[in-house]
Amino acid sequence: MPDSYRSVGNQFGVGKSTVGAAVMQVDKAITEVLLRKVVTLENVQVIVDGFAAMGFPNCGGAIDGTHIPILAPEHQGTQYINRKGYFSMVLQAPVDHKGRFTNINMGWPGRVHDARVFRNTNLFKWLQQGTYFPDQKITIGDVEMPIVILGDPAYPLMPWLMKPYTGSLDRSQKLFNYRLSKCRMVVECALGRLKGHWRSLLTRSDLSQTNSPIVISACCVLHNLCESKGEDLYGGVGGSGKSPGC
């Protein structure tokens, strides 16, 4: 379990507020220096090959969102109450085939639907403009398919975003859903590992609305560094790299 600010302060002979200030200084430094270098889209072909090996062709990522608990904001507090009844802000991110974040967006109130959050991101704009991925198409049947990302049913169906079929399905549609779900689990597991590694994201903190996104961003940077170096905080270096249930 993580130590509280008070217990950490007692170990070093400083006050709780001093520990909090030090944590924020470190988080700001991580975000300012490393975020653009570490949370980024790197070798797209390697990612496409990785997802293809898992069963989905010409895929450049899988996207999902998660809720980070926060204190009730002073203004527009009801907008931050999510469908589960607690105050939160949304972290939304796509990942590569190894569960590393390639882009992050956070800060939207917990009441806002995932699709609306997504439509108001730079990522959506870049994908819509065709500038996020290389112009690399494959032909399936008689349809040209660009590099796509995968989302759950909450996301809008786009030429560059695939989501599961719904309703009564035939055999080919069930197979499509199976392959999509298998690949999309990568992002669910990544978000699970993020919260498992930095468990302060699981519980309501006393951070302000201004500081919460900085801390979340820093945790995402550290997540990518751990994933890239093969660090498994559940089982040591070279462990399973999986959060419980993944």
C-alpha atoms as a PDB file:
ATOM      1  CA  MET A   1       0.000   0.000   0.000  1.00  0.00           C
ATOM      2  CA  PRO A   2       1.325   3.528  -0.687  1.00  0.00           C
ATOM      3  CA  ASP A   3       2.523   5.614   2.231  1.00  0.00           C
ATOM      4  CA  SER A   4       0.542   8.719   3.100  1.00  0.00           C
ATOM      5  CA  TYR A   5       2.122  12.167   2.960  1.00  0.00           C
ATOM      6  CA  ARG A   6       2.147  12.182   6.745  1.00  0.00           C
ATOM      7  CA  SER A   7       3.984   8.867   7.115  1.00  0.00           C
ATOM      8  CA  VAL A   8       6.533   9.859   4.472  1.00  0.00           C
ATOM      9  CA  GLY A   9       7.017  13.205   6.206  1.00  0.00           C
ATOM     10  CA  ASN A  10       7.615  11.450   9.532  1.00  0.00           C
ATOM     11  CA  GLN A  11      10.365   9.348   7.979  1.00  0.00           C
ATOM     12  CA  PHE A  12      12.226  12.424   6.746  1.00  0.00           C
ATOM     13  CA  GLY A  13      11.329  14.859   9.499  1.00  0.00           C
ATOM     14  CA  VAL A  14       9.271  17.213   7.346  1.00  0.00           C
ATOM     15  CA  GLY A  15       5.642  18.263   7.334  1.00  0.00           C
ATOM     16  CA  LYS A  16       2.823  16.838   5.242  1.00  0.00           C
ATOM     17  CA  SER A  17       2.602  20.016   3.143  1.00  0.00           C
ATOM     18  CA  THR A  18       6.321  19.842   2.347  1.00  0.00           C
ATOM     19  CA  VAL A  19       5.946  16.283   1.073  1.00  0.00           C
ATOM     20  CA  GLY A  20       2.977  17.334  -1.051  1.00  0.00           C
ATOM     21  CA  ALA A  21       4.941  20.234  -2.528  1.00  0.00           C
ATOM     22  CA  ALA A  22       7.897  17.941  -3.327  1.00  0.00           C
ATOM     23  CA  VAL A  23       5.634  15.410  -5.037  1.00  0.00           C
ATOM     24  CA  MET A  24       4.115  18.124  -7.212  1.00  0.00           C
ATOM     25  CA  GLN A  25       7.550  19.483  -8.143  1.00  0.00           C
ATOM     26  CA  VAL A  26       8.657  16.040  -9.278  1.00  0.00           C
ATOM     27  CA  ASP A  27       5.414  15.404 -11.180  1.00  0.00           C
ATOM     28  CA  LYS A  28       5.668  18.758 -12.960  1.00  0.00           C
ATOM     29  CA  ALA A  29       9.272  18.035 -13.935  1.00  0.00           C
ATOM     30  CA  ILE A  30       8.344  14.591 -15.266  1.00  0.00           C
ATOM     31  CA  THR A  31       5.474  16.049 -17.288  1.00  0.00           C
ATOM     32  CA  GLU A  32       7.409  19.009 -18.670  1.00  0.00           C
ATOM     33  CA  VAL A  33      10.591  17.102 -19.568  1.00  0.00           C
ATOM     34  CA  LEU A  34       9.437  13.587 -20.449  1.00  0.00           C
ATOM     35  CA  LEU A  35       5.770  13.592 -21.503  1.00  0.00           C
ATOM     36  CA  ARG A  36       6.302  14.468 -25.174  1.00  0.00           C
ATOM     37  CA  LYS A  37       9.303  12.135 -25.411  1.00  0.00           C
ATOM     38  CA  VAL A  38       7.811   9.089 -23.682  1.00  0.00           C
ATOM     39  CA  VAL A  39       4.065   9.238 -24.416  1.00  0.00           C
ATOM     40  CA  THR A  40       4.276   9.324 -28.183  1.00  0.00           C
ATOM     41  CA  LEU A  41       3.568   7.325 -31.311  1.00  0.00           C
ATOM     42  CA  GLU A  42       6.820   5.680 -32.345  1.00  0.00           C
ATOM     43  CA  ASN A  43       7.346   2.991 -35.001  1.00  0.00           C
ATOM     44  CA  VAL A  44       3.864   2.579 -36.485  1.00  0.00           C
ATOM     45  CA  GLN A  45       4.806  -0.454 -38.571  1.00  0.00           C
ATOM     46  CA  VAL A  46       5.979  -2.322 -35.473  1.00  0.00           C
ATOM     47  CA  ILE A  47       2.632  -1.549 -33.807  1.00  0.00           C
ATOM     48  CA  VAL A  48       0.674  -2.640 -36.894  1.00  0.00           C
ATOM     49  CA  ASP A  49       2.662  -5.872 -37.061  1.00  0.00           C
ATOM     50  CA  GLY A  50       2.055  -6.447 -33.348  1.00  0.00           C
ATOM     51  CA  PHE A  51      -1.715  -6.139 -33.634  1.00  0.00           C
ATOM     52  CA  ALA A  52      -1.713  -8.192 -36.852  1.00  0.00           C
ATOM     53  CA  ALA A  53      -0.027 -11.017 -34.943  1.00  0.00           C
ATOM     54  CA  MET A  54      -2.897 -10.784 -32.438  1.00  0.00           C
ATOM     55  CA  GLY A  55      -5.466 -11.125 -35.216  1.00  0.00           C
ATOM     56  CA  PHE A  56      -6.421  -7.619 -36.397  1.00  0.00           C
ATOM     57  CA  PRO A  57      -4.856  -6.202 -39.600  1.00  0.00           C
ATOM     58  CA  ASN A  58      -3.699  -2.610 -40.160  1.00  0.00           C
ATOM     59  CA  CYS A  59      -4.384  -1.583 -36.559  1.00  0.00           C
ATOM     60  CA  GLY A  60      -2.397   1.254 -35.003  1.00  0.00           C
ATOM     61  CA  GLY A  61      -3.826   1.201 -31.487  1.00  0.00           C
ATOM     62  CA  ALA A  62      -6.691   0.542 -29.106  1.00  0.00           C
ATOM     63  CA  ILE A  63      -8.431   3.315 -27.129  1.00  0.00           C
ATOM     64  CA  ASP A  64     -10.411   3.424 -23.895  1.00  0.00           C
ATOM     65  CA  GLY A  65     -11.114   5.716 -20.969  1.00  0.00           C
ATOM     66  CA  THR A  66     -11.055   5.389 -17.207  1.00  0.00           C
ATOM     67  CA  HIS A  67     -12.274   7.481 -14.288  1.00  0.00           C
ATOM     68  CA  ILE A  68      -9.843   8.949 -11.754  1.00  0.00           C
ATOM     69  CA  PRO A  69     -11.520   9.811  -8.400  1.00  0.00           C
ATOM     70  CA  ILE A  70     -11.204  13.447  -7.302  1.00  0.00           C
ATOM     71  CA  LEU A  71     -12.517  15.755  -4.585  1.00  0.00           C
ATOM     72  CA  ALA A  72     -15.815  17.487  -5.282  1.00  0.00           C
ATOM     73  CA  PRO A  73     -14.937  20.622  -7.289  1.00  0.00           C
ATOM     74  CA  GLU A  74     -16.043  23.981  -5.934  1.00  0.00           C
ATOM     75  CA  HIS A  75     -17.793  24.889  -9.170  1.00  0.00           C
ATOM     76  CA  GLN A  76     -19.975  22.724 -11.451  1.00  0.00           C
ATOM     77  CA  GLY A  77     -19.518  19.800  -9.077  1.00  0.00           C
ATOM     78  CA  THR A  78     -22.466  17.841 -10.465  1.00  0.00           C
ATOM     79  CA  GLN A  79     -20.730  17.660 -13.848  1.00  0.00           C
ATOM     80  CA  TYR A  80     -17.995  15.561 -12.252  1.00  0.00           C
ATOM     81  CA  ILE A  81     -20.323  12.887 -10.832  1.00  0.00           C
ATOM     82  CA  ASN A  82     -19.922   9.842 -13.071  1.00  0.00           C
ATOM     83  CA  ARG A  83     -22.425   7.070 -13.734  1.00  0.00           C
ATOM     84  CA  LYS A  84     -21.172   5.161 -10.690  1.00  0.00           C
ATOM     85  CA  GLY A  85     -21.991   8.089  -8.414  1.00  0.00           C
ATOM     86  CA  TYR A  86     -18.596   9.485  -7.412  1.00  0.00           C
ATOM     87  CA  PHE A  87     -16.631  12.575  -8.467  1.00  0.00           C
ATOM     88  CA  SER A  88     -14.053  11.877 -11.159  1.00  0.00           C
ATOM     89  CA  MET A  89     -12.198  13.174 -14.166  1.00  0.00           C
ATOM     90  CA  VAL A  90     -11.706  11.141 -17.320  1.00  0.00           C
ATOM     91  CA  LEU A  91      -8.385   9.831 -18.574  1.00  0.00           C
ATOM     92  CA  GLN A  92      -8.681   8.700 -22.190  1.00  0.00           C
ATOM     93  CA  ALA A  93      -5.785   7.128 -24.056  1.00  0.00           C
ATOM     94  CA  PRO A  94      -4.847   4.902 -26.976  1.00  0.00           C
ATOM     95  CA  VAL A  95      -2.124   2.295 -26.506  1.00  0.00           C
ATOM     96  CA  ASP A  96       0.175   0.310 -28.771  1.00  0.00           C
ATOM     97  CA  HIS A  97       0.264  -3.486 -28.989  1.00  0.00           C
ATOM     98  CA  LYS A  98       2.366  -3.678 -25.831  1.00  0.00           C
ATOM     99  CA  GLY A  99       0.086  -1.489 -23.712  1.00  0.00           C
ATOM    100  CA  ARG A 100       2.150   1.702 -23.848  1.00  0.00           C
ATOM    101  CA  PHE A 101       0.246   4.976 -24.078  1.00  0.00           C
ATOM    102  CA  THR A 102       0.774   6.766 -27.391  1.00  0.00           C
ATOM    103  CA  ASN A 103      -1.366   9.790 -26.515  1.00  0.00           C
ATOM    104  CA  ILE A 104      -3.273  10.917 -23.416  1.00  0.00           C
ATOM    105  CA  ASN A 105      -6.115  13.295 -22.685  1.00  0.00           C
ATOM    106  CA  MET A 106      -7.413  14.005 -19.206  1.00  0.00           C
ATOM    107  CA  GLY A 107      -9.424  16.515 -17.247  1.00  0.00           C
ATOM    108  CA  TRP A 108     -12.926  16.140 -18.658  1.00  0.00           C
ATOM    109  CA  PRO A 109     -15.667  15.837 -16.000  1.00  0.00           C
ATOM    110  CA  GLY A 110     -16.692  12.288 -15.130  1.00  0.00           C
ATOM    111  CA  ARG A 111     -20.270  12.870 -16.301  1.00  0.00           C
ATOM    112  CA  VAL A 112     -19.187  13.441 -19.910  1.00  0.00           C
ATOM    113  CA  HIS A 113     -19.654  10.499 -22.281  1.00  0.00           C
ATOM    114  CA  ASP A 114     -16.532   8.855 -23.737  1.00  0.00           C
ATOM    115  CA  ALA A 115     -17.575   9.696 -27.293  1.00  0.00           C
ATOM    116  CA  ARG A 116     -17.894  13.402 -26.494  1.00  0.00           C
ATOM    117  CA  VAL A 117     -14.521  13.439 -24.755  1.00  0.00           C
ATOM    118  CA  PHE A 118     -12.960  11.744 -27.766  1.00  0.00           C
ATOM    119  CA  ARG A 119     -14.517  14.105 -30.323  1.00  0.00           C
ATOM    120  CA  ASN A 120     -12.987  17.079 -28.483  1.00  0.00           C
ATOM    121  CA  THR A 121      -9.406  15.787 -28.457  1.00  0.00           C
ATOM    122  CA  ASN A 122      -6.495  16.658 -30.718  1.00  0.00           C
ATOM    123  CA  LEU A 123      -6.212  12.932 -31.406  1.00  0.00           C
ATOM    124  CA  PHE A 124      -9.678  12.898 -33.024  1.00  0.00           C
ATOM    125  CA  LYS A 125      -8.766  15.926 -35.136  1.00  0.00           C
ATOM    126  CA  TRP A 126      -5.491  14.336 -36.298  1.00  0.00           C
ATOM    127  CA  LEU A 127      -7.182  11.042 -37.130  1.00  0.00           C
ATOM    128  CA  GLN A 128      -9.951  12.857 -38.993  1.00  0.00           C
ATOM    129  CA  GLN A 129      -7.387  14.858 -40.977  1.00  0.00           C
ATOM    130  CA  GLY A 130      -5.352  11.724 -41.681  1.00  0.00           C
ATOM    131  CA  THR A 131      -2.193  13.147 -40.104  1.00  0.00           C
ATOM    132  CA  TYR A 132      -1.809  10.821 -37.095  1.00  0.00           C
ATOM    133  CA  PHE A 133      -0.903   7.630 -38.972  1.00  0.00           C
ATOM    134  CA  PRO A 134       0.946   7.177 -42.280  1.00  0.00           C
ATOM    135  CA  ASP A 135      -1.264   6.874 -45.366  1.00  0.00           C
ATOM    136  CA  GLN A 136      -1.004   3.102 -45.429  1.00  0.00           C
ATOM    137  CA  LYS A 137      -4.011   1.220 -46.751  1.00  0.00           C
ATOM    138  CA  ILE A 138      -4.744  -2.440 -47.295  1.00  0.00           C
ATOM    139  CA  THR A 139      -7.531  -3.934 -49.409  1.00  0.00           C
ATOM    140  CA  ILE A 140     -10.014  -6.296 -47.786  1.00  0.00           C
ATOM    141  CA  GLY A 141     -12.475  -7.647 -50.319  1.00  0.00           C
ATOM    142  CA  ASP A 142     -13.116  -4.577 -52.449  1.00  0.00           C
ATOM    143  CA  VAL A 143     -12.689  -2.043 -49.616  1.00  0.00           C
ATOM    144  CA  GLU A 144      -9.574   0.007 -48.932  1.00  0.00           C
ATOM    145  CA  MET A 145      -8.878   0.106 -45.207  1.00  0.00           C
ATOM    146  CA  PRO A 146      -6.579   2.717 -43.640  1.00  0.00           C
ATOM    147  CA  ILE A 147      -4.715   2.188 -40.386  1.00  0.00           C
ATOM    148  CA  VAL A 148      -7.401   2.095 -37.691  1.00  0.00           C
ATOM    149  CA  ILE A 149      -7.766   2.231 -33.943  1.00  0.00           C
ATOM    150  CA  LEU A 150     -10.101  -0.015 -31.971  1.00  0.00           C
ATOM    151  CA  GLY A 151     -12.727   1.108 -29.477  1.00  0.00           C
ATOM    152  CA  ASP A 152     -15.642  -0.265 -27.500  1.00  0.00           C
ATOM    153  CA  PRO A 153     -19.314   0.398 -28.415  1.00  0.00           C
ATOM    154  CA  ALA A 154     -19.212   3.818 -26.710  1.00  0.00           C
ATOM    155  CA  TYR A 155     -17.017   5.209 -29.484  1.00  0.00           C
ATOM    156  CA  PRO A 156     -18.253   6.472 -32.862  1.00  0.00           C
ATOM    157  CA  LEU A 157     -17.791   4.234 -35.894  1.00  0.00           C
ATOM    158  CA  MET A 158     -15.409   6.008 -38.274  1.00  0.00           C
ATOM    159  CA  PRO A 159     -13.415   4.963 -41.343  1.00  0.00           C
ATOM    160  CA  TRP A 160     -10.371   4.943 -39.026  1.00  0.00           C
ATOM    161  CA  LEU A 161     -12.083   3.631 -35.850  1.00  0.00           C
ATOM    162  CA  MET A 162     -13.492   0.121 -35.619  1.00  0.00           C
ATOM    163  CA  LYS A 163     -15.967  -0.946 -32.941  1.00  0.00           C
ATOM    164  CA  PRO A 164     -17.861  -4.208 -32.337  1.00  0.00           C
ATOM    165  CA  TYR A 165     -20.986  -5.240 -34.203  1.00  0.00           C
ATOM    166  CA  THR A 166     -24.139  -5.228 -32.080  1.00  0.00           C
ATOM    167  CA  GLY A 167     -27.450  -7.012 -32.339  1.00  0.00           C
ATOM    168  CA  SER A 168     -28.034 -10.382 -33.974  1.00  0.00           C
ATOM    169  CA  LEU A 169     -24.720 -11.440 -35.506  1.00  0.00           C
ATOM    170  CA  ASP A 170     -23.715 -13.911 -38.159  1.00  0.00           C
ATOM    171  CA  ARG A 171     -20.614 -16.071 -37.942  1.00  0.00           C
ATOM    172  CA  SER A 172     -18.276 -13.617 -39.677  1.00  0.00           C
ATOM    173  CA  GLN A 173     -19.449 -10.738 -37.462  1.00  0.00           C
ATOM    174  CA  LYS A 174     -18.871 -12.818 -34.335  1.00  0.00           C
ATOM    175  CA  LEU A 175     -15.354 -13.614 -35.544  1.00  0.00           C
ATOM    176  CA  PHE A 176     -14.731  -9.910 -36.205  1.00  0.00           C
ATOM    177  CA  ASN A 177     -15.916  -9.034 -32.678  1.00  0.00           C
ATOM    178  CA  TYR A 178     -13.735 -11.749 -31.169  1.00  0.00           C
ATOM    179  CA  ARG A 179     -10.598 -10.485 -32.883  1.00  0.00           C
ATOM    180  CA  LEU A 180     -11.388  -6.862 -32.078  1.00  0.00           C
ATOM    181  CA  SER A 181     -12.083  -7.690 -28.428  1.00  0.00           C
ATOM    182  CA  LYS A 182      -8.868  -9.698 -28.140  1.00  0.00           C
ATOM    183  CA  CYS A 183      -6.816  -6.747 -29.364  1.00  0.00           C
ATOM    184  CA  ARG A 184      -8.811  -4.143 -27.425  1.00  0.00           C
ATOM    185  CA  MET A 185      -8.086  -5.935 -24.166  1.00  0.00           C
ATOM    186  CA  VAL A 186      -4.572  -4.496 -24.441  1.00  0.00           C
ATOM    187  CA  VAL A 187      -5.835  -1.032 -23.475  1.00  0.00           C
ATOM    188  CA  GLU A 188      -8.057  -2.344 -20.671  1.00  0.00           C
ATOM    189  CA  CYS A 189      -5.094  -4.183 -19.180  1.00  0.00           C
ATOM    190  CA  ALA A 190      -2.849  -1.142 -19.620  1.00  0.00           C
ATOM    191  CA  LEU A 191      -5.248   1.077 -17.660  1.00  0.00           C
ATOM    192  CA  GLY A 192      -5.496  -1.655 -15.022  1.00  0.00           C
ATOM    193  CA  ARG A 193      -1.709  -1.807 -14.703  1.00  0.00           C
ATOM    194  CA  LEU A 194      -1.512   1.999 -14.527  1.00  0.00           C
ATOM    195  CA  LYS A 195      -3.796   2.054 -11.505  1.00  0.00           C
ATOM    196  CA  GLY A 196      -2.159  -1.049 -10.044  1.00  0.00           C
ATOM    197  CA  HIS A 197       1.293   0.510 -10.208  1.00  0.00           C
ATOM    198  CA  TRP A 198       0.220   3.908  -8.829  1.00  0.00           C
ATOM    199  CA  ARG A 199      -2.611   3.074  -6.501  1.00  0.00           C
ATOM    200  CA  SER A 200      -3.239   6.696  -5.569  1.00  0.00           C
ATOM    201  CA  LEU A 201      -5.198   6.806  -8.849  1.00  0.00           C
ATOM    202  CA  LEU A 202      -7.671   4.312  -7.375  1.00  0.00           C
ATOM    203  CA  THR A 203      -8.729   6.466  -4.443  1.00  0.00           C
ATOM    204  CA  ARG A 204      -9.879  10.052  -4.067  1.00  0.00           C
ATOM    205  CA  SER A 205      -6.961  12.392  -3.480  1.00  0.00           C
ATOM    206  CA  ASP A 206      -6.925  15.910  -2.080  1.00  0.00           C
ATOM    207  CA  LEU A 207      -5.377  17.334  -5.247  1.00  0.00           C
ATOM    208  CA  SER A 208      -6.900  20.376  -6.913  1.00  0.00           C
ATOM    209  CA  GLN A 209      -8.438  20.288 -10.389  1.00  0.00           C
ATOM    210  CA  THR A 210      -5.274  21.988 -11.625  1.00  0.00           C
ATOM    211  CA  ASN A 211      -2.839  19.517 -10.074  1.00  0.00           C
ATOM    212  CA  SER A 212      -4.722  16.277 -10.745  1.00  0.00           C
ATOM    213  CA  PRO A 213      -3.987  16.219 -14.512  1.00  0.00           C
ATOM    214  CA  ILE A 214      -0.276  16.815 -13.795  1.00  0.00           C
ATOM    215  CA  VAL A 215      -0.096  13.842 -11.443  1.00  0.00           C
ATOM    216  CA  ILE A 216      -2.062  11.626 -13.864  1.00  0.00           C
ATOM    217  CA  SER A 217       0.249  12.626 -16.728  1.00  0.00           C
ATOM    218  CA  ALA A 218       3.328  11.824 -14.655  1.00  0.00           C
ATOM    219  CA  CYS A 219       1.911   8.394 -13.801  1.00  0.00           C
ATOM    220  CA  CYS A 220       1.323   7.717 -17.513  1.00  0.00           C
ATOM    221  CA  VAL A 221       4.937   8.632 -18.284  1.00  0.00           C
ATOM    222  CA  LEU A 222       6.202   6.312 -15.545  1.00  0.00           C
ATOM    223  CA  HIS A 223       3.878   3.568 -16.808  1.00  0.00           C
ATOM    224  CA  ASN A 224       5.432   3.759 -20.279  1.00  0.00           C
ATOM    225  CA  LEU A 225       8.946   3.718 -18.868  1.00  0.00           C
ATOM    226  CA  CYS A 226       8.154   0.620 -16.806  1.00  0.00           C
ATOM    227  CA  GLU A 227       6.527  -1.119 -19.772  1.00  0.00           C
ATOM    228  CA  SER A 228       9.433  -0.288 -22.082  1.00  0.00           C
ATOM    229  CA  LYS A 229      12.027  -1.538 -19.575  1.00  0.00           C
ATOM    230  CA  GLY A 230      10.120  -4.717 -18.766  1.00  0.00           C
ATOM    231  CA  GLU A 231       9.485  -3.669 -15.183  1.00  0.00           C
ATOM    232  CA  ASP A 232       6.651  -5.630 -13.583  1.00  0.00           C
ATOM    233  CA  LEU A 233       5.713  -3.955 -10.308  1.00  0.00           C
ATOM    234  CA  TYR A 234       3.554  -6.961  -9.445  1.00  0.00           C
ATOM    235  CA  GLY A 235       6.221  -9.605  -9.806  1.00  0.00           C
ATOM    236  CA  GLY A 236       9.610  -7.957 -10.307  1.00  0.00           C
ATOM    237  CA  VAL A 237      11.678  -7.479 -13.435  1.00  0.00           C
ATOM    238  CA  GLY A 238      10.778  -9.974 -16.126  1.00  0.00           C
ATOM    239  CA  GLY A 239       7.492 -10.957 -14.485  1.00  0.00           C
ATOM    240  CA  SER A 240       4.130 -11.315 -16.138  1.00  0.00           C
ATOM    241  CA  GLY A 241       3.672  -7.584 -16.657  1.00  0.00           C
ATOM    242  CA  LYS A 242      -0.034  -8.069 -16.130  1.00  0.00           C
ATOM    243  CA  SER A 243      -2.423  -6.536 -13.681  1.00  0.00           C
ATOM    244  CA  PRO A 244      -4.858  -8.808 -11.837  1.00  0.00           C
ATOM    245  CA  GLY A 245      -7.366 -10.189 -14.324  1.00  0.00           C
ATOM    246  CA  CYS A 246      -5.227  -9.541 -17.430  1.00  0.00           C
END
